Amino acid sequence: MATEHVSEYFSGQGKLWIAPVMGGVIQHNKSRWVGNVPELTLETEVETEVHKESWSGRRAKDLVLKKEKSLKFTAKLEEFTKENLALGFQATVDTVPAGAAADVESAADLEVGDVWFLPHRNVNTLAITDSTATPVTLVAGEHYTVDEMFGRVQLLKKTGLKFPLKASYKYAAASRLDLLKTNAEGWYLRFEGLNTANGNAPVLVEVFKSDLSPTKTLNLITDELGSFDLEGEALLHNGKLAQVEML
C-alpha cells in the first residue's frame, strides 16, 4: 500500500529576541524583542581543503578535508529605537537631562546670514543679548530666526550690536548615542517563529552566542521605509552553535 505524501512547506513570521551574554552566561532575564523584522536569514559556510592523490596519473581528488564550519545570520530591523540603534552601531546610550544654559557665546565674527548652532537641542524661552555694557536684547524675526528643535540660530541683522552674542535658554531631555564605543562579549538570539504555510505551527530557533558586526549601512535620506541590518556569526557555546525545534 502506497504511503500518502504530505507536503510540508514553510513560510515564516515571528519575533526575534536578543539578550547579552556576560561571563559566559546568557542573561535570559535581559531578553528584548527588537520589534518588526521583515527578513531573518541563516547562512552556513564550510571551508574545505581538497587533497589530490599523486600515484594514478589522474591527480584525482581523494579527500575533502572540512577545516571550518560556520553559521552566519542577518536580520533586517525596521524599528528605530535607541536600543536597536545602539545594538546595530555598538553605541553607548547617554541621557542628557533637561536643564538651562546661560550666556552661551556665539562666534565673535558672526555675519548676517551666518548660522549659530547652540550646544543643546529642543530649546525654549530663548533670549539673546549682545555684549554691550547695557546689553541689547535681540528680537526674533528682526535680528535672528531660530529652529528651536535643532537649536539653530541664523543672524538677520547686526547693525548696532556688539559681538559675541549671548544666548540663555532652557532645553528638554534627550538621548545621545555615541557610535562604535562598545564591544560586547556576545549575544543570544531567539526566534519564536510561526510557519504560516502549516497552520501557524510554532518553530523555535536559538543561536546561543554570537558575535555581532557593526551595521554597515543606514540610509538617512530615502523614499522607502527605513531599515538596517544586524549581522553576526554564531560562536560555540557549551558545545552548541544553534538549534531548531519544531514544536
C-alpha atoms as a PDB file:
ATOM      1  CA  MET A   1       0.000   0.000   0.000  1.00  0.00           C
ATOM      2  CA  ALA A   2       1.419   3.344  -1.055  1.00  0.00           C
ATOM      3  CA  THR A   3       2.069   5.878   1.649  1.00  0.00           C
ATOM      4  CA  GLU A   4       0.316   9.189   1.064  1.00  0.00           C
ATOM      5  CA  HIS A   5       2.754  12.087   0.780  1.00  0.00           C
ATOM      6  CA  VAL A   6       2.044  15.086   2.983  1.00  0.00           C
ATOM      7  CA  SER A   7       3.707  18.263   1.778  1.00  0.00           C
ATOM      8  CA  GLU A   8       5.396  20.338   4.462  1.00  0.00           C
ATOM      9  CA  TYR A   9       6.157  23.855   3.271  1.00  0.00           C
ATOM     10  CA  PHE A  10       7.474  26.792   5.225  1.00  0.00           C
ATOM     11  CA  SER A  11       6.647  30.476   5.207  1.00  0.00           C
ATOM     12  CA  GLY A  12       7.844  32.186   8.323  1.00  0.00           C
ATOM     13  CA  GLN A  13       6.925  35.050  10.566  1.00  0.00           C
ATOM     14  CA  GLY A  14       7.715  35.612  14.202  1.00  0.00           C
ATOM     15  CA  LYS A  15       9.530  37.555  16.880  1.00  0.00           C
ATOM     16  CA  LEU A  16      13.271  37.958  17.283  1.00  0.00           C
ATOM     17  CA  TRP A  17      14.527  38.288  20.847  1.00  0.00           C
ATOM     18  CA  ILE A  18      18.072  39.151  21.843  1.00  0.00           C
ATOM     19  CA  ALA A  19      19.919  39.025  25.156  1.00  0.00           C
ATOM     20  CA  PRO A  20      23.507  39.726  26.216  1.00  0.00           C
ATOM     21  CA  VAL A  21      25.964  37.011  27.171  1.00  0.00           C
ATOM     22  CA  MET A  22      28.008  38.030  30.200  1.00  0.00           C
ATOM     23  CA  GLY A  23      30.686  35.966  31.911  1.00  0.00           C
ATOM     24  CA  GLY A  24      29.787  33.072  29.628  1.00  0.00           C
ATOM     25  CA  VAL A  25      26.168  33.083  30.865  1.00  0.00           C
ATOM     26  CA  ILE A  26      23.141  34.004  28.741  1.00  0.00           C
ATOM     27  CA  GLN A  27      21.250  36.777  30.521  1.00  0.00           C
ATOM     28  CA  HIS A  28      17.764  35.491  29.703  1.00  0.00           C
ATOM     29  CA  ASN A  29      16.161  37.998  32.052  1.00  0.00           C
ATOM     30  CA  LYS A  30      17.610  40.821  29.906  1.00  0.00           C
ATOM     31  CA  SER A  31      15.979  39.497  26.719  1.00  0.00           C
ATOM     32  CA  ARG A  32      14.406  42.142  24.500  1.00  0.00           C
ATOM     33  CA  TRP A  33      12.112  41.858  21.484  1.00  0.00           C
ATOM     34  CA  VAL A  34      13.608  44.012  18.718  1.00  0.00           C
ATOM     35  CA  GLY A  35      10.273  44.731  17.041  1.00  0.00           C
ATOM     36  CA  ASN A  36       9.289  44.155  13.427  1.00  0.00           C
ATOM     37  CA  VAL A  37      11.837  42.117  11.448  1.00  0.00           C
ATOM     38  CA  PRO A  38      10.683  41.501   7.834  1.00  0.00           C
ATOM     39  CA  GLU A  39      13.752  39.403   6.947  1.00  0.00           C
ATOM     40  CA  LEU A  40      15.765  36.940   9.027  1.00  0.00           C
ATOM     41  CA  THR A  41      18.195  34.531   7.381  1.00  0.00           C
ATOM     42  CA  LEU A  42      20.660  31.860   8.438  1.00  0.00           C
ATOM     43  CA  GLU A  43      23.617  31.018   6.227  1.00  0.00           C
ATOM     44  CA  THR A  44      26.023  28.120   6.647  1.00  0.00           C
ATOM     45  CA  GLU A  45      29.525  28.038   5.251  1.00  0.00           C
ATOM     46  CA  VAL A  46      32.087  25.232   5.152  1.00  0.00           C
ATOM     47  CA  GLU A  47      35.753  25.914   4.469  1.00  0.00           C
ATOM     48  CA  THR A  48      37.379  22.904   2.838  1.00  0.00           C
ATOM     49  CA  GLU A  49      40.787  21.783   1.668  1.00  0.00           C
ATOM     50  CA  VAL A  50      40.932  19.357  -1.262  1.00  0.00           C
ATOM     51  CA  HIS A  51      43.671  16.721  -1.429  1.00  0.00           C
ATOM     52  CA  LYS A  52      44.737  15.063  -4.691  1.00  0.00           C
ATOM     53  CA  GLU A  53      46.476  11.699  -4.983  1.00  0.00           C
ATOM     54  CA  SER A  54      49.764  11.574  -6.869  1.00  0.00           C
ATOM     55  CA  TRP A  55      50.089   7.940  -7.940  1.00  0.00           C
ATOM     56  CA  SER A  56      47.363   7.147 -10.518  1.00  0.00           C
ATOM     57  CA  GLY A  57      48.353   9.585 -13.241  1.00  0.00           C
ATOM     58  CA  ARG A  58      44.976  11.349 -12.941  1.00  0.00           C
ATOM     59  CA  ARG A  59      45.679  13.574  -9.950  1.00  0.00           C
ATOM     60  CA  ALA A  60      42.227  12.671  -8.744  1.00  0.00           C
ATOM     61  CA  LYS A  61      40.675  14.155  -5.636  1.00  0.00           C
ATOM     62  CA  ASP A  62      40.789  11.560  -2.895  1.00  0.00           C
ATOM     63  CA  LEU A  63      39.941  13.611   0.182  1.00  0.00           C
ATOM     64  CA  VAL A  64      37.972  16.717   1.086  1.00  0.00           C
ATOM     65  CA  LEU A  65      39.092  17.976   4.476  1.00  0.00           C
ATOM     66  CA  LYS A  66      36.494  20.091   6.250  1.00  0.00           C
ATOM     67  CA  LYS A  67      38.561  22.736   8.042  1.00  0.00           C
ATOM     68  CA  GLU A  68      35.851  25.030   9.383  1.00  0.00           C
ATOM     69  CA  LYS A  69      32.067  25.141   9.672  1.00  0.00           C
ATOM     70  CA  SER A  70      30.356  28.447  10.374  1.00  0.00           C
ATOM     71  CA  LEU A  71      26.832  29.771  10.801  1.00  0.00           C
ATOM     72  CA  LYS A  72      26.003  33.378   9.990  1.00  0.00           C
ATOM     73  CA  PHE A  73      22.769  35.321  10.261  1.00  0.00           C
ATOM     74  CA  THR A  74      21.285  38.580   9.030  1.00  0.00           C
ATOM     75  CA  ALA A  75      18.248  40.342  10.495  1.00  0.00           C
ATOM     76  CA  LYS A  76      16.632  43.407   8.939  1.00  0.00           C
ATOM     77  CA  LEU A  77      15.422  45.714  11.703  1.00  0.00           C
ATOM     78  CA  GLU A  78      12.730  48.286  10.971  1.00  0.00           C
ATOM     79  CA  GLU A  79      12.148  49.808  14.399  1.00  0.00           C
ATOM     80  CA  PHE A  80      14.448  52.738  15.122  1.00  0.00           C
ATOM     81  CA  THR A  81      14.515  52.560  18.884  1.00  0.00           C
ATOM     82  CA  LYS A  82      17.592  53.791  20.690  1.00  0.00           C
ATOM     83  CA  GLU A  83      18.158  50.233  21.919  1.00  0.00           C
ATOM     84  CA  ASN A  84      18.132  48.825  18.372  1.00  0.00           C
ATOM     85  CA  LEU A  85      20.405  51.573  17.066  1.00  0.00           C
ATOM     86  CA  ALA A  86      22.807  51.026  19.948  1.00  0.00           C
ATOM     87  CA  LEU A  87      22.829  47.307  19.143  1.00  0.00           C
ATOM     88  CA  GLY A  88      23.481  47.836  15.439  1.00  0.00           C
ATOM     89  CA  PHE A  89      26.101  50.538  15.833  1.00  0.00           C
ATOM     90  CA  GLN A  90      27.723  49.239  19.020  1.00  0.00           C
ATOM     91  CA  ALA A  91      26.897  52.519  20.716  1.00  0.00           C
ATOM     92  CA  THR A  92      26.649  53.740  24.252  1.00  0.00           C
ATOM     93  CA  VAL A  93      23.405  55.494  25.175  1.00  0.00           C
ATOM     94  CA  ASP A  94      23.519  58.539  27.430  1.00  0.00           C
ATOM     95  CA  THR A  95      20.605  60.555  28.716  1.00  0.00           C
ATOM     96  CA  VAL A  96      21.052  64.311  28.515  1.00  0.00           C
ATOM     97  CA  PRO A  97      18.852  65.638  31.326  1.00  0.00           C
ATOM     98  CA  ALA A  98      16.680  68.691  30.872  1.00  0.00           C
ATOM     99  CA  GLY A  99      18.295  71.891  32.058  1.00  0.00           C
ATOM    100  CA  ALA A 100      19.126  75.502  31.388  1.00  0.00           C
ATOM    101  CA  ALA A 101      22.052  77.328  29.810  1.00  0.00           C
ATOM    102  CA  ALA A 102      23.129  80.918  30.386  1.00  0.00           C
ATOM    103  CA  ASP A 103      25.322  83.303  28.393  1.00  0.00           C
ATOM    104  CA  VAL A 104      26.346  80.801  25.715  1.00  0.00           C
ATOM    105  CA  GLU A 105      28.540  82.862  23.363  1.00  0.00           C
ATOM    106  CA  SER A 106      28.404  82.974  19.587  1.00  0.00           C
ATOM    107  CA  ALA A 107      31.413  83.412  17.340  1.00  0.00           C
ATOM    108  CA  ALA A 108      32.795  86.951  17.533  1.00  0.00           C
ATOM    109  CA  ASP A 109      32.821  87.299  13.728  1.00  0.00           C
ATOM    110  CA  LEU A 110      29.203  86.270  13.139  1.00  0.00           C
ATOM    111  CA  GLU A 111      27.865  87.912   9.978  1.00  0.00           C
ATOM    112  CA  VAL A 112      24.353  88.387   8.585  1.00  0.00           C
ATOM    113  CA  GLY A 113      23.237  85.059   7.118  1.00  0.00           C
ATOM    114  CA  ASP A 114      25.613  83.033   9.294  1.00  0.00           C
ATOM    115  CA  VAL A 115      24.248  80.260  11.490  1.00  0.00           C
ATOM    116  CA  TRP A 116      24.969  79.581  15.126  1.00  0.00           C
ATOM    117  CA  PHE A 117      24.433  76.060  16.462  1.00  0.00           C
ATOM    118  CA  LEU A 118      23.560  76.092  20.141  1.00  0.00           C
ATOM    119  CA  PRO A 119      25.107  73.257  22.187  1.00  0.00           C
ATOM    120  CA  HIS A 120      21.628  71.864  23.031  1.00  0.00           C
ATOM    121  CA  ARG A 121      18.548  70.838  21.092  1.00  0.00           C
ATOM    122  CA  ASN A 122      14.811  71.238  21.794  1.00  0.00           C
ATOM    123  CA  VAL A 123      15.292  74.658  23.365  1.00  0.00           C
ATOM    124  CA  ASN A 124      12.667  77.069  24.662  1.00  0.00           C
ATOM    125  CA  THR A 125      12.414  80.508  26.299  1.00  0.00           C
ATOM    126  CA  LEU A 126      15.427  81.596  24.236  1.00  0.00           C
ATOM    127  CA  ALA A 127      16.786  85.089  24.963  1.00  0.00           C
ATOM    128  CA  ILE A 128      19.741  86.519  23.018  1.00  0.00           C
ATOM    129  CA  THR A 129      21.649  89.646  24.044  1.00  0.00           C
ATOM    130  CA  ASP A 130      24.759  91.349  22.746  1.00  0.00           C
ATOM    131  CA  SER A 131      27.978  92.278  24.612  1.00  0.00           C
ATOM    132  CA  THR A 132      27.489  95.996  25.210  1.00  0.00           C
ATOM    133  CA  ALA A 133      27.727  97.336  28.765  1.00  0.00           C
ATOM    134  CA  THR A 134      23.951  97.658  28.750  1.00  0.00           C
ATOM    135  CA  PRO A 135      23.066  94.521  26.754  1.00  0.00           C
ATOM    136  CA  VAL A 136      20.688  94.856  23.837  1.00  0.00           C
ATOM    137  CA  THR A 137      18.063  92.103  23.693  1.00  0.00           C
ATOM    138  CA  LEU A 138      17.687  90.821  20.143  1.00  0.00           C
ATOM    139  CA  VAL A 139      14.224  90.405  18.647  1.00  0.00           C
ATOM    140  CA  ALA A 140      13.283  87.123  16.978  1.00  0.00           C
ATOM    141  CA  GLY A 141      12.223  87.690  13.364  1.00  0.00           C
ATOM    142  CA  GLU A 142      14.113  91.002  13.234  1.00  0.00           C
ATOM    143  CA  HIS A 143      17.626  90.153  14.386  1.00  0.00           C
ATOM    144  CA  TYR A 144      17.521  86.380  14.034  1.00  0.00           C
ATOM    145  CA  THR A 145      15.484  83.278  13.264  1.00  0.00           C
ATOM    146  CA  VAL A 146      15.620  80.139  15.362  1.00  0.00           C
ATOM    147  CA  ASP A 147      14.827  76.457  14.864  1.00  0.00           C
ATOM    148  CA  GLU A 148      14.138  75.530  18.470  1.00  0.00           C
ATOM    149  CA  MET A 149      14.063  71.762  17.872  1.00  0.00           C
ATOM    150  CA  PHE A 150      17.574  71.672  16.399  1.00  0.00           C
ATOM    151  CA  GLY A 151      18.959  74.640  18.332  1.00  0.00           C
ATOM    152  CA  ARG A 152      19.947  76.556  15.196  1.00  0.00           C
ATOM    153  CA  VAL A 153      20.056  80.363  15.113  1.00  0.00           C
ATOM    154  CA  GLN A 154      20.573  82.413  11.936  1.00  0.00           C
ATOM    155  CA  LEU A 155      21.554  86.079  12.114  1.00  0.00           C
ATOM    156  CA  LEU A 156      19.372  88.516  10.148  1.00  0.00           C
ATOM    157  CA  LYS A 157      20.649  91.892  11.348  1.00  0.00           C
ATOM    158  CA  LYS A 158      23.789  93.044  13.184  1.00  0.00           C
ATOM    159  CA  THR A 159      23.647  96.823  12.972  1.00  0.00           C
ATOM    160  CA  GLY A 160      24.294  98.405  16.389  1.00  0.00           C
ATOM    161  CA  LEU A 161      25.181  95.102  18.054  1.00  0.00           C
ATOM    162  CA  LYS A 162      28.417  94.199  19.824  1.00  0.00           C
ATOM    163  CA  PHE A 163      29.687  90.662  19.439  1.00  0.00           C
ATOM    164  CA  PRO A 164      29.829  87.959  20.614  1.00  0.00           C
ATOM    165  CA  LEU A 165      26.142  87.419  21.190  1.00  0.00           C
ATOM    166  CA  LYS A 166      24.995  85.571  24.320  1.00  0.00           C
ATOM    167  CA  ALA A 167      22.157  83.067  24.468  1.00  0.00           C
ATOM    168  CA  SER A 168      20.223  81.912  27.529  1.00  0.00           C
ATOM    169  CA  TYR A 169      17.533  79.228  27.297  1.00  0.00           C
ATOM    170  CA  LYS A 170      16.023  76.060  28.688  1.00  0.00           C
ATOM    171  CA  TYR A 171      16.312  72.696  26.939  1.00  0.00           C
ATOM    172  CA  ALA A 172      14.491  69.364  27.151  1.00  0.00           C
ATOM    173  CA  ALA A 173      15.956  65.940  27.895  1.00  0.00           C
ATOM    174  CA  ALA A 174      17.419  63.888  25.042  1.00  0.00           C
ATOM    175  CA  SER A 175      19.048  60.521  24.350  1.00  0.00           C
ATOM    176  CA  ARG A 176      22.513  60.578  22.821  1.00  0.00           C
ATOM    177  CA  LEU A 177      24.204  57.633  21.097  1.00  0.00           C
ATOM    178  CA  ASP A 178      27.986  57.530  20.819  1.00  0.00           C
ATOM    179  CA  LEU A 179      28.673  55.131  17.936  1.00  0.00           C
ATOM    180  CA  LEU A 180      31.245  52.322  17.862  1.00  0.00           C
ATOM    181  CA  LYS A 181      32.071  52.589  21.565  1.00  0.00           C
ATOM    182  CA  THR A 182      31.083  49.144  22.914  1.00  0.00           C
ATOM    183  CA  ASN A 183      32.367  45.614  22.404  1.00  0.00           C
ATOM    184  CA  ALA A 184      30.014  43.092  23.988  1.00  0.00           C
ATOM    185  CA  GLU A 185      31.103  39.588  24.951  1.00  0.00           C
ATOM    186  CA  GLY A 186      28.320  38.082  22.871  1.00  0.00           C
ATOM    187  CA  TRP A 187      24.591  37.973  22.157  1.00  0.00           C
ATOM    188  CA  TYR A 188      21.952  35.253  22.416  1.00  0.00           C
ATOM    189  CA  LEU A 189      19.337  35.233  19.621  1.00  0.00           C
ATOM    190  CA  ARG A 190      15.951  33.572  19.936  1.00  0.00           C
ATOM    191  CA  PHE A 191      13.468  33.389  17.058  1.00  0.00           C
ATOM    192  CA  GLU A 192       9.967  32.432  18.136  1.00  0.00           C
ATOM    193  CA  GLY A 193       8.544  31.665  14.726  1.00  0.00           C
ATOM    194  CA  LEU A 194       5.264  30.686  13.098  1.00  0.00           C
ATOM    195  CA  ASN A 195       5.040  28.567   9.957  1.00  0.00           C
ATOM    196  CA  THR A 196       2.169  30.297   8.169  1.00  0.00           C
ATOM    197  CA  ALA A 197       2.207  27.589   5.466  1.00  0.00           C
ATOM    198  CA  ASN A 198       1.349  24.993   8.091  1.00  0.00           C
ATOM    199  CA  GLY A 199      -1.383  26.451  10.266  1.00  0.00           C
ATOM    200  CA  ASN A 200       0.992  28.769  12.168  1.00  0.00           C
ATOM    201  CA  ALA A 201       2.878  25.792  13.592  1.00  0.00           C
ATOM    202  CA  PRO A 202       5.498  27.109  16.039  1.00  0.00           C
ATOM    203  CA  VAL A 203       9.219  26.922  15.327  1.00  0.00           C
ATOM    204  CA  LEU A 204      11.948  27.877  17.787  1.00  0.00           C
ATOM    205  CA  VAL A 205      15.435  28.785  16.578  1.00  0.00           C
ATOM    206  CA  GLU A 206      18.198  29.637  19.040  1.00  0.00           C
ATOM    207  CA  VAL A 207      21.704  30.956  18.434  1.00  0.00           C
ATOM    208  CA  PHE A 208      23.291  30.562  21.839  1.00  0.00           C
ATOM    209  CA  LYS A 209      26.137  33.023  21.457  1.00  0.00           C
ATOM    210  CA  SER A 210      27.027  35.277  18.566  1.00  0.00           C
ATOM    211  CA  ASP A 211      29.447  37.985  17.611  1.00  0.00           C
ATOM    212  CA  LEU A 212      27.664  40.965  16.064  1.00  0.00           C
ATOM    213  CA  SER A 213      29.257  43.118  13.391  1.00  0.00           C
ATOM    214  CA  PRO A 214      28.509  46.861  13.326  1.00  0.00           C
ATOM    215  CA  THR A 215      25.743  47.824  10.933  1.00  0.00           C
ATOM    216  CA  LYS A 216      27.345  48.680   7.604  1.00  0.00           C
ATOM    217  CA  THR A 217      24.731  50.964   6.078  1.00  0.00           C
ATOM    218  CA  LEU A 218      21.996  53.277   7.298  1.00  0.00           C
ATOM    219  CA  ASN A 219      20.117  55.300   4.689  1.00  0.00           C
ATOM    220  CA  LEU A 220      19.344  58.636   6.310  1.00  0.00           C
ATOM    221  CA  ILE A 221      17.511  60.006   3.251  1.00  0.00           C
ATOM    222  CA  THR A 222      15.149  57.612   1.483  1.00  0.00           C
ATOM    223  CA  ASP A 223      11.656  57.479  -0.019  1.00  0.00           C
ATOM    224  CA  GLU A 224      11.170  53.988   1.402  1.00  0.00           C
ATOM    225  CA  LEU A 225      10.541  52.795   4.936  1.00  0.00           C
ATOM    226  CA  GLY A 226      13.921  52.794   6.651  1.00  0.00           C
ATOM    227  CA  SER A 227      15.672  49.681   7.941  1.00  0.00           C
ATOM    228  CA  PHE A 228      19.122  48.493   8.877  1.00  0.00           C
ATOM    229  CA  ASP A 229      20.797  45.097   9.002  1.00  0.00           C
ATOM    230  CA  LEU A 230      22.065  43.263  12.033  1.00  0.00           C
ATOM    231  CA  GLU A 231      24.706  40.724  11.021  1.00  0.00           C
ATOM    232  CA  GLY A 232      26.674  38.240  13.055  1.00  0.00           C
ATOM    233  CA  GLU A 233      28.243  34.829  13.351  1.00  0.00           C
ATOM    234  CA  ALA A 234      27.411  32.053  15.781  1.00  0.00           C
ATOM    235  CA  LEU A 235      30.062  31.167  18.349  1.00  0.00           C
ATOM    236  CA  LEU A 236      30.379  27.833  20.110  1.00  0.00           C
ATOM    237  CA  HIS A 237      28.664  28.000  23.499  1.00  0.00           C
ATOM    238  CA  ASN A 238      28.632  24.973  25.797  1.00  0.00           C
ATOM    239  CA  GLY A 239      29.315  22.761  22.784  1.00  0.00           C
ATOM    240  CA  LYS A 240      26.487  24.145  20.633  1.00  0.00           C
ATOM    241  CA  LEU A 241      26.179  26.756  17.875  1.00  0.00           C
ATOM    242  CA  ALA A 242      22.429  26.801  17.262  1.00  0.00           C
ATOM    243  CA  GLN A 243      19.393  24.571  17.292  1.00  0.00           C
ATOM    244  CA  VAL A 244      15.930  24.382  15.748  1.00  0.00           C
ATOM    245  CA  GLU A 245      12.867  22.951  17.485  1.00  0.00           C
ATOM    246  CA  MET A 246       9.672  22.075  15.603  1.00  0.00           C
ATOM    247  CA  LEU A 247       7.019  22.443  18.292  1.00  0.00           C
END
